[in-house]
Amino acid sequence: MQLRGQSPGHAFISYVREDSDDAAWLQRTLESAGVRVWLDTAELWPGEDWRAKIRQAITADALVFIACFSRNSLARDVSYQNEELVLAIEQLRLRRPDQPWFIPVRFDDCAIPDLDIGGGRTLGSIQRADLYGDRREEHAARLVEIVVRLLGGQPAGPAAPDFESFVTMLSRTRDAALREDLEWDTKRSAQSSAPRVETSVASGRLASRLQIPDGAQVVSRSQRRWIDGAPWSIQVSFYPMELVDRGAAKLLQAADITEGTVSYLQSVLGIRQASWNDDIEARMPNPDEAAFFELPADGLVPVLEVTRVALDQNGSPMRLTATSFPADRNRLKYEEDER
């Protein structure tokens, strides 16, 4: 797929064979945003002069060069990637320093080779994209955004679908208990996927918000939701593993908790949800969100992410729930009733 108003060109991905799976994932991520990608496994055919073909692909047709580094690549004294890097650095030296063209990518926590690119600069002076760890999807979305810009336009994707806005209530009234989850308009038909349950290690912001040590285990329960058959939200809730250890075993079951987790935790452990606080952030969708919500590839539709921390009667965090909504079909509404 070509970009609107853009002459033929592509993003060239340079990698070593040991990183083929990661390179293929990066290719799919870029192509899902309408970016044309040059990858040797798809572009080289039997009988072709591969050196001439790669030189042409880098020096004449590449509108952005993505160099993928890892411990695998650094361990190789001899590789085709080394030859590609020589050609790319030659091109980089011919280009203006203020016009990005060469993007280093890391597939793991490796060092970027300290190669001279001229003008007193090295590869390490170019901002990289880290495509590994917990923030892999977030960094991939940022990489896609800059590649689209470098290729000169917006991907020619489908127009955003025309939806009647979904109204999501985030409220507490005097006559109603705290609502356990973000609620939908009850006049419309809502469906949810079966919960996906995983255990993981909390760190950074998640550990801080739940007030648990870095390295403590958590249970996550994630679901995808639809309204009237249209994708509505992706929600994932994190619970300290301590709750399971104390007897809340249903949190580990990949099935709906029919009474709701708030009522379940109160009945089993005596933990009552007394309050909550919300953070709301607008951001670019990650590739998974863009695919599920069927967002246009031009990147102009953001998602709204509501992060709710629920507190028990003692003021201790009992759950963190992050819900992402596509901004083209959702309105968030708050109500407070103190009568």
C-alpha atoms as a PDB file:
ATOM      1  CA  MET A   1       0.000   0.000   0.000  1.00  0.00           C
ATOM      2  CA  GLN A   2       1.368   3.418  -0.898  1.00  0.00           C
ATOM      3  CA  LEU A   3       0.938   6.676   0.938  1.00  0.00           C
ATOM      4  CA  ARG A   4      -1.223   9.431  -0.409  1.00  0.00           C
ATOM      5  CA  GLY A   5       0.772  11.865  -2.508  1.00  0.00           C
ATOM      6  CA  GLN A   6       3.957   9.821  -2.122  1.00  0.00           C
ATOM      7  CA  SER A   7       6.214   8.516  -4.889  1.00  0.00           C
ATOM      8  CA  PRO A   8       7.098   4.817  -4.661  1.00  0.00           C
ATOM      9  CA  GLY A   9       9.473   4.081  -1.803  1.00  0.00           C
ATOM     10  CA  HIS A  10       9.734   1.914   1.247  1.00  0.00           C
ATOM     11  CA  ALA A  11      11.056   1.377   4.736  1.00  0.00           C
ATOM     12  CA  PHE A  12      14.107  -0.894   4.592  1.00  0.00           C
ATOM     13  CA  ILE A  13      14.491  -3.287   7.551  1.00  0.00           C
ATOM     14  CA  SER A  14      18.050  -4.484   8.257  1.00  0.00           C
ATOM     15  CA  TYR A  15      18.459  -7.412  10.658  1.00  0.00           C
ATOM     16  CA  VAL A  16      20.288 -10.689  11.257  1.00  0.00           C
ATOM     17  CA  ARG A  17      18.746 -14.091  10.659  1.00  0.00           C
ATOM     18  CA  GLU A  18      18.537 -14.913  14.372  1.00  0.00           C
ATOM     19  CA  ASP A  19      16.066 -12.002  14.730  1.00  0.00           C
ATOM     20  CA  SER A  20      13.808 -13.094  11.858  1.00  0.00           C
ATOM     21  CA  ASP A  21      10.707 -13.443  14.051  1.00  0.00           C
ATOM     22  CA  ASP A  22      11.096  -9.948  15.512  1.00  0.00           C
ATOM     23  CA  ALA A  23      11.792  -8.490  12.058  1.00  0.00           C
ATOM     24  CA  ALA A  24       8.673 -10.185  10.656  1.00  0.00           C
ATOM     25  CA  TRP A  25       6.603  -8.766  13.545  1.00  0.00           C
ATOM     26  CA  LEU A  26       7.975  -5.288  12.805  1.00  0.00           C
ATOM     27  CA  GLN A  27       7.148  -5.739   9.125  1.00  0.00           C
ATOM     28  CA  ARG A  28       3.533  -6.669   9.939  1.00  0.00           C
ATOM     29  CA  THR A  29       3.239  -3.732  12.331  1.00  0.00           C
ATOM     30  CA  LEU A  30       4.404  -1.244   9.700  1.00  0.00           C
ATOM     31  CA  GLU A  31       2.364  -2.774   6.894  1.00  0.00           C
ATOM     32  CA  SER A  32      -0.791  -2.657   9.035  1.00  0.00           C
ATOM     33  CA  ALA A  33      -0.334   1.141   9.028  1.00  0.00           C
ATOM     34  CA  GLY A  34      -0.018   1.213   5.229  1.00  0.00           C
ATOM     35  CA  VAL A  35       3.785   1.412   5.131  1.00  0.00           C
ATOM     36  CA  ARG A  36       5.531  -0.412   2.279  1.00  0.00           C
ATOM     37  CA  VAL A  37       8.358  -2.513   3.729  1.00  0.00           C
ATOM     38  CA  TRP A  38      11.475  -3.974   2.061  1.00  0.00           C
ATOM     39  CA  LEU A  39      12.511  -7.213   3.747  1.00  0.00           C
ATOM     40  CA  ASP A  40      14.951  -9.562   2.061  1.00  0.00           C
ATOM     41  CA  THR A  41      12.816 -12.666   2.626  1.00  0.00           C
ATOM     42  CA  ALA A  42      10.048 -11.127   0.516  1.00  0.00           C
ATOM     43  CA  GLU A  43      11.974  -9.033  -1.996  1.00  0.00           C
ATOM     44  CA  LEU A  44      14.877 -11.242  -3.124  1.00  0.00           C
ATOM     45  CA  TRP A  45      14.208 -13.912  -5.732  1.00  0.00           C
ATOM     46  CA  PRO A  46      16.323 -16.867  -6.917  1.00  0.00           C
ATOM     47  CA  GLY A  47      18.866 -15.869  -9.580  1.00  0.00           C
ATOM     48  CA  GLU A  48      18.971 -12.179  -8.630  1.00  0.00           C
ATOM     49  CA  ASP A  49      22.198 -10.355  -7.788  1.00  0.00           C
ATOM     50  CA  TRP A  50      21.370  -9.815  -4.127  1.00  0.00           C
ATOM     51  CA  ARG A  51      24.153  -7.272  -3.538  1.00  0.00           C
ATOM     52  CA  ALA A  52      22.950  -5.100  -6.427  1.00  0.00           C
ATOM     53  CA  LYS A  53      19.333  -5.497  -5.340  1.00  0.00           C
ATOM     54  CA  ILE A  54      20.057  -4.511  -1.748  1.00  0.00           C
ATOM     55  CA  ARG A  55      22.236  -1.577  -2.820  1.00  0.00           C
ATOM     56  CA  GLN A  56      19.388  -0.335  -5.020  1.00  0.00           C
ATOM     57  CA  ALA A  57      16.881  -0.857  -2.222  1.00  0.00           C
ATOM     58  CA  ILE A  58      18.990   1.173   0.241  1.00  0.00           C
ATOM     59  CA  THR A  59      20.538   3.909  -1.898  1.00  0.00           C
ATOM     60  CA  ALA A  60      17.750   4.665  -4.365  1.00  0.00           C
ATOM     61  CA  ASP A  61      14.396   3.564  -2.979  1.00  0.00           C
ATOM     62  CA  ALA A  62      14.594   3.580   0.816  1.00  0.00           C
ATOM     63  CA  LEU A  63      12.797   6.567   2.310  1.00  0.00           C
ATOM     64  CA  VAL A  64      13.715   5.334   5.787  1.00  0.00           C
ATOM     65  CA  PHE A  65      16.330   2.796   6.911  1.00  0.00           C
ATOM     66  CA  ILE A  66      15.521   0.796  10.070  1.00  0.00           C
ATOM     67  CA  ALA A  67      18.570  -0.905  11.575  1.00  0.00           C
ATOM     68  CA  CYS A  68      17.592  -3.631  14.048  1.00  0.00           C
ATOM     69  CA  PHE A  69      20.148  -4.443  16.735  1.00  0.00           C
ATOM     70  CA  SER A  70      20.229  -7.152  19.382  1.00  0.00           C
ATOM     71  CA  ARG A  71      22.652  -9.328  21.257  1.00  0.00           C
ATOM     72  CA  ASN A  72      22.345 -11.677  18.282  1.00  0.00           C
ATOM     73  CA  SER A  73      23.498  -9.035  15.813  1.00  0.00           C
ATOM     74  CA  LEU A  74      26.353  -7.850  18.029  1.00  0.00           C
ATOM     75  CA  ALA A  75      27.593 -11.430  18.395  1.00  0.00           C
ATOM     76  CA  ARG A  76      28.045 -11.789  14.631  1.00  0.00           C
ATOM     77  CA  ASP A  77      31.509 -10.754  13.396  1.00  0.00           C
ATOM     78  CA  VAL A  78      30.415 -11.435   9.818  1.00  0.00           C
ATOM     79  CA  SER A  79      26.876 -10.767   8.562  1.00  0.00           C
ATOM     80  CA  TYR A  80      25.018  -9.328   5.610  1.00  0.00           C
ATOM     81  CA  GLN A  81      23.698  -6.696   7.972  1.00  0.00           C
ATOM     82  CA  ASN A  82      27.220  -5.277   8.345  1.00  0.00           C
ATOM     83  CA  GLU A  83      27.317  -4.684   4.591  1.00  0.00           C
ATOM     84  CA  GLU A  84      23.886  -3.060   4.704  1.00  0.00           C
ATOM     85  CA  LEU A  85      25.024  -0.756   7.498  1.00  0.00           C
ATOM     86  CA  VAL A  86      28.054   0.366   5.469  1.00  0.00           C
ATOM     87  CA  LEU A  87      25.783   1.309   2.555  1.00  0.00           C
ATOM     88  CA  ALA A  88      23.293   3.009   4.848  1.00  0.00           C
ATOM     89  CA  ILE A  89      25.949   5.059   6.642  1.00  0.00           C
ATOM     90  CA  GLU A  90      27.318   6.183   3.273  1.00  0.00           C
ATOM     91  CA  GLN A  91      23.836   7.445   2.408  1.00  0.00           C
ATOM     92  CA  LEU A  92      23.368   8.993   5.837  1.00  0.00           C
ATOM     93  CA  ARG A  93      26.536  11.059   5.444  1.00  0.00           C
ATOM     94  CA  LEU A  94      25.138  12.531   2.213  1.00  0.00           C
ATOM     95  CA  ARG A  95      21.947  13.650   3.910  1.00  0.00           C
ATOM     96  CA  ARG A  96      21.211  16.701   6.020  1.00  0.00           C
ATOM     97  CA  PRO A  97      21.574  15.950   9.752  1.00  0.00           C
ATOM     98  CA  ASP A  98      18.211  17.584  10.511  1.00  0.00           C
ATOM     99  CA  GLN A  99      16.312  15.224   8.196  1.00  0.00           C
ATOM    100  CA  PRO A 100      15.800  11.815   9.863  1.00  0.00           C
ATOM    101  CA  TRP A 101      16.376   8.792   7.658  1.00  0.00           C
ATOM    102  CA  PHE A 102      18.269   6.217   9.751  1.00  0.00           C
ATOM    103  CA  ILE A 103      16.343   4.757  12.738  1.00  0.00           C
ATOM    104  CA  PRO A 104      18.108   2.360  15.139  1.00  0.00           C
ATOM    105  CA  VAL A 105      15.856  -0.255  16.747  1.00  0.00           C
ATOM    106  CA  ARG A 106      16.710  -2.555  19.646  1.00  0.00           C
ATOM    107  CA  PHE A 107      15.085  -5.970  20.029  1.00  0.00           C
ATOM    108  CA  ASP A 108      16.630  -6.410  23.480  1.00  0.00           C
ATOM    109  CA  ASP A 109      18.725  -4.492  25.992  1.00  0.00           C
ATOM    110  CA  CYS A 110      21.881  -4.386  23.856  1.00  0.00           C
ATOM    111  CA  ALA A 111      24.382  -1.629  23.095  1.00  0.00           C
ATOM    112  CA  ILE A 112      24.103   0.323  19.838  1.00  0.00           C
ATOM    113  CA  PRO A 113      27.348  -0.078  17.818  1.00  0.00           C
ATOM    114  CA  ASP A 114      29.523   3.019  18.179  1.00  0.00           C
ATOM    115  CA  LEU A 115      29.933   3.491  14.429  1.00  0.00           C
ATOM    116  CA  ASP A 116      31.126   6.804  13.017  1.00  0.00           C
ATOM    117  CA  ILE A 117      28.509   8.493  10.813  1.00  0.00           C
ATOM    118  CA  GLY A 118      30.478  11.682  10.168  1.00  0.00           C
ATOM    119  CA  GLY A 119      30.407  15.191  11.583  1.00  0.00           C
ATOM    120  CA  GLY A 120      31.594  13.968  14.970  1.00  0.00           C
ATOM    121  CA  ARG A 121      28.459  11.819  15.340  1.00  0.00           C
ATOM    122  CA  THR A 122      27.990   8.104  15.959  1.00  0.00           C
ATOM    123  CA  LEU A 123      24.999   5.794  15.676  1.00  0.00           C
ATOM    124  CA  GLY A 124      24.549   6.193  19.425  1.00  0.00           C
ATOM    125  CA  SER A 125      23.659   9.858  18.917  1.00  0.00           C
ATOM    126  CA  ILE A 126      20.524   8.955  16.929  1.00  0.00           C
ATOM    127  CA  GLN A 127      17.351   8.424  18.960  1.00  0.00           C
ATOM    128  CA  ARG A 128      16.464   4.728  18.973  1.00  0.00           C
ATOM    129  CA  ALA A 129      13.233   2.759  19.338  1.00  0.00           C
ATOM    130  CA  ASP A 130      13.226  -0.037  21.926  1.00  0.00           C
ATOM    131  CA  LEU A 131      10.920  -2.833  20.744  1.00  0.00           C
ATOM    132  CA  TYR A 132      11.059  -5.152  23.745  1.00  0.00           C
ATOM    133  CA  GLY A 133       9.703  -5.345  27.282  1.00  0.00           C
ATOM    134  CA  ASP A 134       6.449  -4.046  28.717  1.00  0.00           C
ATOM    135  CA  ARG A 135       6.408  -0.921  26.520  1.00  0.00           C
ATOM    136  CA  ARG A 136       7.066  -2.701  23.225  1.00  0.00           C
ATOM    137  CA  GLU A 137       3.631  -1.880  21.759  1.00  0.00           C
ATOM    138  CA  GLU A 138       3.800   1.759  22.869  1.00  0.00           C
ATOM    139  CA  HIS A 139       7.247   2.261  21.315  1.00  0.00           C
ATOM    140  CA  ALA A 140       6.150   0.447  18.152  1.00  0.00           C
ATOM    141  CA  ALA A 141       3.236   2.881  17.776  1.00  0.00           C
ATOM    142  CA  ARG A 142       5.633   5.832  18.048  1.00  0.00           C
ATOM    143  CA  LEU A 143       7.947   4.229  15.492  1.00  0.00           C
ATOM    144  CA  VAL A 144       5.054   3.751  13.068  1.00  0.00           C
ATOM    145  CA  GLU A 145       4.072   7.391  13.534  1.00  0.00           C
ATOM    146  CA  ILE A 146       7.536   8.738  12.665  1.00  0.00           C
ATOM    147  CA  VAL A 147       7.946   6.332   9.724  1.00  0.00           C
ATOM    148  CA  VAL A 148       4.622   7.500   8.290  1.00  0.00           C
ATOM    149  CA  ARG A 149       5.821  11.099   8.591  1.00  0.00           C
ATOM    150  CA  LEU A 150       9.145  10.316   6.941  1.00  0.00           C
ATOM    151  CA  LEU A 151       7.373   8.586   4.070  1.00  0.00           C
ATOM    152  CA  GLY A 152       5.635  11.825   3.370  1.00  0.00           C
ATOM    153  CA  GLY A 153       1.992  11.569   4.239  1.00  0.00           C
ATOM    154  CA  GLN A 154      -0.805   9.541   5.679  1.00  0.00           C
ATOM    155  CA  PRO A 155      -1.404   5.879   4.914  1.00  0.00           C
ATOM    156  CA  ALA A 156      -4.245   5.390   2.506  1.00  0.00           C
ATOM    157  CA  GLY A 157      -6.501   3.380   4.797  1.00  0.00           C
ATOM    158  CA  PRO A 158     -10.262   3.104   5.105  1.00  0.00           C
ATOM    159  CA  ALA A 159     -12.277   5.968   6.492  1.00  0.00           C
ATOM    160  CA  ALA A 160     -13.331   5.786  10.114  1.00  0.00           C
ATOM    161  CA  PRO A 161     -16.683   4.046  10.552  1.00  0.00           C
ATOM    162  CA  ASP A 162     -19.713   6.128  11.373  1.00  0.00           C
ATOM    163  CA  PHE A 163     -20.861   5.251  14.908  1.00  0.00           C
ATOM    164  CA  GLU A 164     -23.478   6.656  17.217  1.00  0.00           C
ATOM    165  CA  SER A 165     -21.445   7.616  20.275  1.00  0.00           C
ATOM    166  CA  PHE A 166     -21.371   5.216  23.203  1.00  0.00           C
ATOM    167  CA  VAL A 167     -21.926   6.966  26.540  1.00  0.00           C
ATOM    168  CA  THR A 168     -19.776   5.599  29.356  1.00  0.00           C
ATOM    169  CA  MET A 169     -20.745   6.579  32.900  1.00  0.00           C
ATOM    170  CA  LEU A 170     -18.035   7.021  35.504  1.00  0.00           C
ATOM    171  CA  SER A 171     -20.085   8.087  38.507  1.00  0.00           C
ATOM    172  CA  ARG A 172     -21.191   7.584  42.060  1.00  0.00           C
ATOM    173  CA  THR A 173     -24.652   8.472  43.283  1.00  0.00           C
ATOM    174  CA  ARG A 174     -26.106   8.476  46.767  1.00  0.00           C
ATOM    175  CA  ASP A 175     -28.700   5.825  45.969  1.00  0.00           C
ATOM    176  CA  ALA A 176     -26.424   3.418  44.123  1.00  0.00           C
ATOM    177  CA  ALA A 177     -23.367   1.456  45.094  1.00  0.00           C
ATOM    178  CA  LEU A 178     -20.083   2.294  43.473  1.00  0.00           C
ATOM    179  CA  ARG A 179     -20.247   0.871  39.995  1.00  0.00           C
ATOM    180  CA  GLU A 180     -17.743  -1.913  39.629  1.00  0.00           C
ATOM    181  CA  ASP A 181     -16.821  -1.234  36.029  1.00  0.00           C
ATOM    182  CA  LEU A 182     -17.148   1.439  33.415  1.00  0.00           C
ATOM    183  CA  GLU A 183     -20.757   1.103  32.321  1.00  0.00           C
ATOM    184  CA  TRP A 184     -22.406   1.282  28.929  1.00  0.00           C
ATOM    185  CA  ASP A 185     -25.731   2.724  27.852  1.00  0.00           C
ATOM    186  CA  THR A 186     -28.203   0.082  29.060  1.00  0.00           C
ATOM    187  CA  LYS A 187     -30.458   0.672  26.034  1.00  0.00           C
ATOM    188  CA  ARG A 188     -27.861  -0.922  23.763  1.00  0.00           C
ATOM    189  CA  SER A 189     -26.672  -4.481  23.332  1.00  0.00           C
ATOM    190  CA  ALA A 190     -23.307  -5.210  24.984  1.00  0.00           C
ATOM    191  CA  GLN A 191     -21.106  -8.287  24.602  1.00  0.00           C
ATOM    192  CA  SER A 192     -17.782  -9.264  26.185  1.00  0.00           C
ATOM    193  CA  SER A 193     -15.122 -11.824  25.400  1.00  0.00           C
ATOM    194  CA  ALA A 194     -14.250 -14.524  27.904  1.00  0.00           C
ATOM    195  CA  PRO A 195     -11.701 -13.210  30.416  1.00  0.00           C
ATOM    196  CA  ARG A 196      -8.062 -13.828  29.636  1.00  0.00           C
ATOM    197  CA  VAL A 197      -6.230 -14.512  32.886  1.00  0.00           C
ATOM    198  CA  GLU A 198      -2.465 -14.201  33.325  1.00  0.00           C
ATOM    199  CA  THR A 199       0.013 -13.801  36.137  1.00  0.00           C
ATOM    200  CA  SER A 200       2.962 -11.446  35.889  1.00  0.00           C
ATOM    201  CA  VAL A 201       5.477  -9.475  37.914  1.00  0.00           C
ATOM    202  CA  ALA A 202       4.598  -5.879  38.763  1.00  0.00           C
ATOM    203  CA  SER A 203       7.137  -3.102  38.428  1.00  0.00           C
ATOM    204  CA  GLY A 204       7.338   0.625  37.885  1.00  0.00           C
ATOM    205  CA  ARG A 205       4.048   2.484  37.626  1.00  0.00           C
ATOM    206  CA  LEU A 206       1.850  -0.598  38.168  1.00  0.00           C
ATOM    207  CA  ALA A 207       3.623  -1.559  41.391  1.00  0.00           C
ATOM    208  CA  SER A 208       3.564   2.049  42.573  1.00  0.00           C
ATOM    209  CA  ARG A 209      -0.164   2.524  41.900  1.00  0.00           C
ATOM    210  CA  LEU A 210      -1.030  -0.750  43.673  1.00  0.00           C
ATOM    211  CA  GLN A 211       1.408   0.088  46.492  1.00  0.00           C
ATOM    212  CA  ILE A 212       3.166  -3.270  46.218  1.00  0.00           C
ATOM    213  CA  PRO A 213       6.920  -3.922  45.933  1.00  0.00           C
ATOM    214  CA  ASP A 214       8.623  -4.164  42.554  1.00  0.00           C
ATOM    215  CA  GLY A 215       8.734  -7.849  41.682  1.00  0.00           C
ATOM    216  CA  ALA A 216       5.494  -8.717  43.480  1.00  0.00           C
ATOM    217  CA  GLN A 217       3.138 -10.940  41.507  1.00  0.00           C
ATOM    218  CA  VAL A 218      -0.211  -9.764  40.164  1.00  0.00           C
ATOM    219  CA  VAL A 219      -3.162 -11.405  38.431  1.00  0.00           C
ATOM    220  CA  SER A 220      -4.475  -9.729  35.291  1.00  0.00           C
ATOM    221  CA  ARG A 221      -7.952 -10.273  33.855  1.00  0.00           C
ATOM    222  CA  SER A 222      -8.511  -8.777  30.400  1.00  0.00           C
ATOM    223  CA  GLN A 223     -11.578  -8.610  28.170  1.00  0.00           C
ATOM    224  CA  ARG A 224     -12.636  -7.103  24.867  1.00  0.00           C
ATOM    225  CA  ARG A 225     -16.066  -5.541  24.612  1.00  0.00           C
ATOM    226  CA  TRP A 226     -18.523  -4.735  21.873  1.00  0.00           C
ATOM    227  CA  ILE A 227     -21.698  -2.647  21.726  1.00  0.00           C
ATOM    228  CA  ASP A 228     -24.270  -3.450  19.058  1.00  0.00           C
ATOM    229  CA  GLY A 229     -21.580  -5.634  17.471  1.00  0.00           C
ATOM    230  CA  ALA A 230     -19.055  -2.773  17.154  1.00  0.00           C
ATOM    231  CA  PRO A 231     -15.721  -2.845  19.061  1.00  0.00           C
ATOM    232  CA  TRP A 232     -16.103  -0.656  22.137  1.00  0.00           C
ATOM    233  CA  SER A 233     -13.279  -1.139  24.621  1.00  0.00           C
ATOM    234  CA  ILE A 234     -10.334  -3.212  25.796  1.00  0.00           C
ATOM    235  CA  GLN A 235     -10.098  -3.584  29.561  1.00  0.00           C
ATOM    236  CA  VAL A 236      -7.471  -5.197  31.788  1.00  0.00           C
ATOM    237  CA  SER A 237      -7.630  -5.331  35.591  1.00  0.00           C
ATOM    238  CA  PHE A 238      -4.671  -6.091  37.849  1.00  0.00           C
ATOM    239  CA  TYR A 239      -5.069  -7.589  41.345  1.00  0.00           C
ATOM    240  CA  PRO A 240      -2.308  -8.211  43.907  1.00  0.00           C
ATOM    241  CA  MET A 241      -1.556 -11.957  44.163  1.00  0.00           C
ATOM    242  CA  GLU A 242      -1.988 -11.514  47.913  1.00  0.00           C
ATOM    243  CA  LEU A 243      -5.762 -11.570  47.357  1.00  0.00           C
ATOM    244  CA  VAL A 244      -5.518 -15.036  45.794  1.00  0.00           C
ATOM    245  CA  ASP A 245      -3.260 -16.242  48.614  1.00  0.00           C
ATOM    246  CA  ARG A 246      -5.909 -15.093  51.102  1.00  0.00           C
ATOM    247  CA  GLY A 247      -8.622 -17.120  49.404  1.00  0.00           C
ATOM    248  CA  ALA A 248      -9.918 -15.236  46.332  1.00  0.00           C
ATOM    249  CA  ALA A 249      -9.172 -18.181  44.021  1.00  0.00           C
ATOM    250  CA  LYS A 250     -11.775 -17.176  41.407  1.00  0.00           C
ATOM    251  CA  LEU A 251      -9.466 -14.393  40.264  1.00  0.00           C
ATOM    252  CA  LEU A 252      -7.346 -17.096  38.608  1.00  0.00           C
ATOM    253  CA  GLN A 253     -10.257 -18.667  36.743  1.00  0.00           C
ATOM    254  CA  ALA A 254     -10.653 -17.796  33.045  1.00  0.00           C
ATOM    255  CA  ALA A 255     -14.389 -17.312  33.452  1.00  0.00           C
ATOM    256  CA  ASP A 256     -16.727 -14.498  34.392  1.00  0.00           C
ATOM    257  CA  ILE A 257     -17.206 -13.924  38.098  1.00  0.00           C
ATOM    258  CA  THR A 258     -20.979 -13.742  37.952  1.00  0.00           C
ATOM    259  CA  GLU A 259     -21.453 -11.617  41.069  1.00  0.00           C
ATOM    260  CA  GLY A 260     -18.700  -9.236  39.971  1.00  0.00           C
ATOM    261  CA  THR A 261     -15.230  -8.996  41.453  1.00  0.00           C
ATOM    262  CA  VAL A 262     -16.157  -6.213  43.876  1.00  0.00           C
ATOM    263  CA  SER A 263     -18.978  -8.238  45.440  1.00  0.00           C
ATOM    264  CA  TYR A 264     -16.869 -11.397  45.304  1.00  0.00           C
ATOM    265  CA  LEU A 265     -13.938  -9.854  47.184  1.00  0.00           C
ATOM    266  CA  GLN A 266     -16.282  -8.416  49.789  1.00  0.00           C
ATOM    267  CA  SER A 267     -18.037 -11.743  50.402  1.00  0.00           C
ATOM    268  CA  VAL A 268     -14.850 -13.853  50.457  1.00  0.00           C
ATOM    269  CA  LEU A 269     -12.316 -11.534  52.059  1.00  0.00           C
ATOM    270  CA  GLY A 270     -14.406  -8.789  53.637  1.00  0.00           C
ATOM    271  CA  ILE A 271     -12.712  -6.225  51.401  1.00  0.00           C
ATOM    272  CA  ARG A 272     -15.161  -3.444  50.529  1.00  0.00           C
ATOM    273  CA  GLN A 273     -14.514  -1.080  47.639  1.00  0.00           C
ATOM    274  CA  ALA A 274     -14.939   2.309  49.273  1.00  0.00           C
ATOM    275  CA  SER A 275     -13.587   4.760  46.693  1.00  0.00           C
ATOM    276  CA  TRP A 276     -11.620   5.064  43.497  1.00  0.00           C
ATOM    277  CA  ASN A 277      -9.663   7.572  41.453  1.00  0.00           C
ATOM    278  CA  ASP A 278      -9.347   7.882  37.696  1.00  0.00           C
ATOM    279  CA  ASP A 279      -6.611   9.083  35.372  1.00  0.00           C
ATOM    280  CA  ILE A 280      -7.687   9.832  31.786  1.00  0.00           C
ATOM    281  CA  GLU A 281      -5.130  10.003  28.993  1.00  0.00           C
ATOM    282  CA  ALA A 282      -5.454  10.530  25.239  1.00  0.00           C
ATOM    283  CA  ARG A 283      -2.743   8.742  23.252  1.00  0.00           C
ATOM    284  CA  MET A 284      -1.995   7.028  19.966  1.00  0.00           C
ATOM    285  CA  PRO A 285      -3.357   3.470  19.697  1.00  0.00           C
ATOM    286  CA  ASN A 286      -0.936   0.594  19.788  1.00  0.00           C
ATOM    287  CA  PRO A 287      -1.096  -1.909  16.893  1.00  0.00           C
ATOM    288  CA  ASP A 288      -3.355  -4.308  18.806  1.00  0.00           C
ATOM    289  CA  GLU A 289      -5.843  -1.545  19.618  1.00  0.00           C
ATOM    290  CA  ALA A 290      -5.775  -0.191  16.063  1.00  0.00           C
ATOM    291  CA  ALA A 291      -6.577  -3.652  14.697  1.00  0.00           C
ATOM    292  CA  PHE A 292      -9.356  -4.480  17.204  1.00  0.00           C
ATOM    293  CA  PHE A 293     -11.069  -1.091  16.971  1.00  0.00           C
ATOM    294  CA  GLU A 294     -10.676  -1.101  13.168  1.00  0.00           C
ATOM    295  CA  LEU A 295      -9.202   2.404  13.265  1.00  0.00           C
ATOM    296  CA  PRO A 296      -8.155   4.151  10.040  1.00  0.00           C
ATOM    297  CA  ALA A 297      -4.469   3.754   9.257  1.00  0.00           C
ATOM    298  CA  ASP A 298      -3.837   7.518   9.088  1.00  0.00           C
ATOM    299  CA  GLY A 299      -3.300   7.570  12.858  1.00  0.00           C
ATOM    300  CA  LEU A 300      -5.663  10.506  13.357  1.00  0.00           C
ATOM    301  CA  VAL A 301      -8.028   8.678  15.740  1.00  0.00           C
ATOM    302  CA  PRO A 302      -6.539   8.441  19.253  1.00  0.00           C
ATOM    303  CA  VAL A 303      -7.690   6.240  22.096  1.00  0.00           C
ATOM    304  CA  LEU A 304      -8.840   7.411  25.503  1.00  0.00           C
ATOM    305  CA  GLU A 305      -7.347   5.364  28.337  1.00  0.00           C
ATOM    306  CA  VAL A 306      -9.043   5.468  31.738  1.00  0.00           C
ATOM    307  CA  THR A 307      -6.883   4.066  34.535  1.00  0.00           C
ATOM    308  CA  ARG A 308      -8.906   3.446  37.694  1.00  0.00           C
ATOM    309  CA  VAL A 309      -7.392   2.558  41.064  1.00  0.00           C
ATOM    310  CA  ALA A 310     -10.004   1.131  43.433  1.00  0.00           C
ATOM    311  CA  LEU A 311      -9.417   1.567  47.176  1.00  0.00           C
ATOM    312  CA  ASP A 312     -10.791  -0.524  50.036  1.00  0.00           C
ATOM    313  CA  GLN A 313     -12.290   0.670  53.315  1.00  0.00           C
ATOM    314  CA  ASN A 314      -8.782   1.171  54.701  1.00  0.00           C
ATOM    315  CA  GLY A 315      -7.641   3.276  51.772  1.00  0.00           C
ATOM    316  CA  SER A 316      -5.446   0.503  50.333  1.00  0.00           C
ATOM    317  CA  PRO A 317      -5.437  -0.205  46.585  1.00  0.00           C
ATOM    318  CA  MET A 318      -7.263  -3.436  45.726  1.00  0.00           C
ATOM    319  CA  ARG A 319      -7.370  -3.203  41.931  1.00  0.00           C
ATOM    320  CA  LEU A 320      -6.026  -1.229  38.985  1.00  0.00           C
ATOM    321  CA  THR A 321      -8.161  -1.280  35.835  1.00  0.00           C
ATOM    322  CA  ALA A 322      -7.009   0.239  32.528  1.00  0.00           C
ATOM    323  CA  THR A 323      -9.667   0.622  29.828  1.00  0.00           C
ATOM    324  CA  SER A 324      -8.967   1.955  26.340  1.00  0.00           C
ATOM    325  CA  PHE A 325     -11.726   3.435  24.173  1.00  0.00           C
ATOM    326  CA  PRO A 326     -11.514   4.586  20.537  1.00  0.00           C
ATOM    327  CA  ALA A 327     -12.153   8.333  20.548  1.00  0.00           C
ATOM    328  CA  ASP A 328     -14.270   8.284  17.381  1.00  0.00           C
ATOM    329  CA  ARG A 329     -17.232   6.556  19.056  1.00  0.00           C
ATOM    330  CA  ASN A 330     -17.114   7.249  22.801  1.00  0.00           C
ATOM    331  CA  ARG A 331     -18.138   9.955  25.254  1.00  0.00           C
ATOM    332  CA  LEU A 332     -17.144   9.793  28.914  1.00  0.00           C
ATOM    333  CA  LYS A 333     -19.709  11.224  31.323  1.00  0.00           C
ATOM    334  CA  TYR A 334     -19.295  11.939  35.029  1.00  0.00           C
ATOM    335  CA  GLU A 335     -22.153  12.430  37.476  1.00  0.00           C
ATOM    336  CA  GLU A 336     -22.156  13.194  41.190  1.00  0.00           C
ATOM    337  CA  ASP A 337     -25.319  13.110  43.274  1.00  0.00           C
ATOM    338  CA  GLU A 338     -25.053  14.285  46.880  1.00  0.00           C
ATOM    339  CA  ARG A 339     -28.779  14.628  47.550  1.00  0.00           C
END
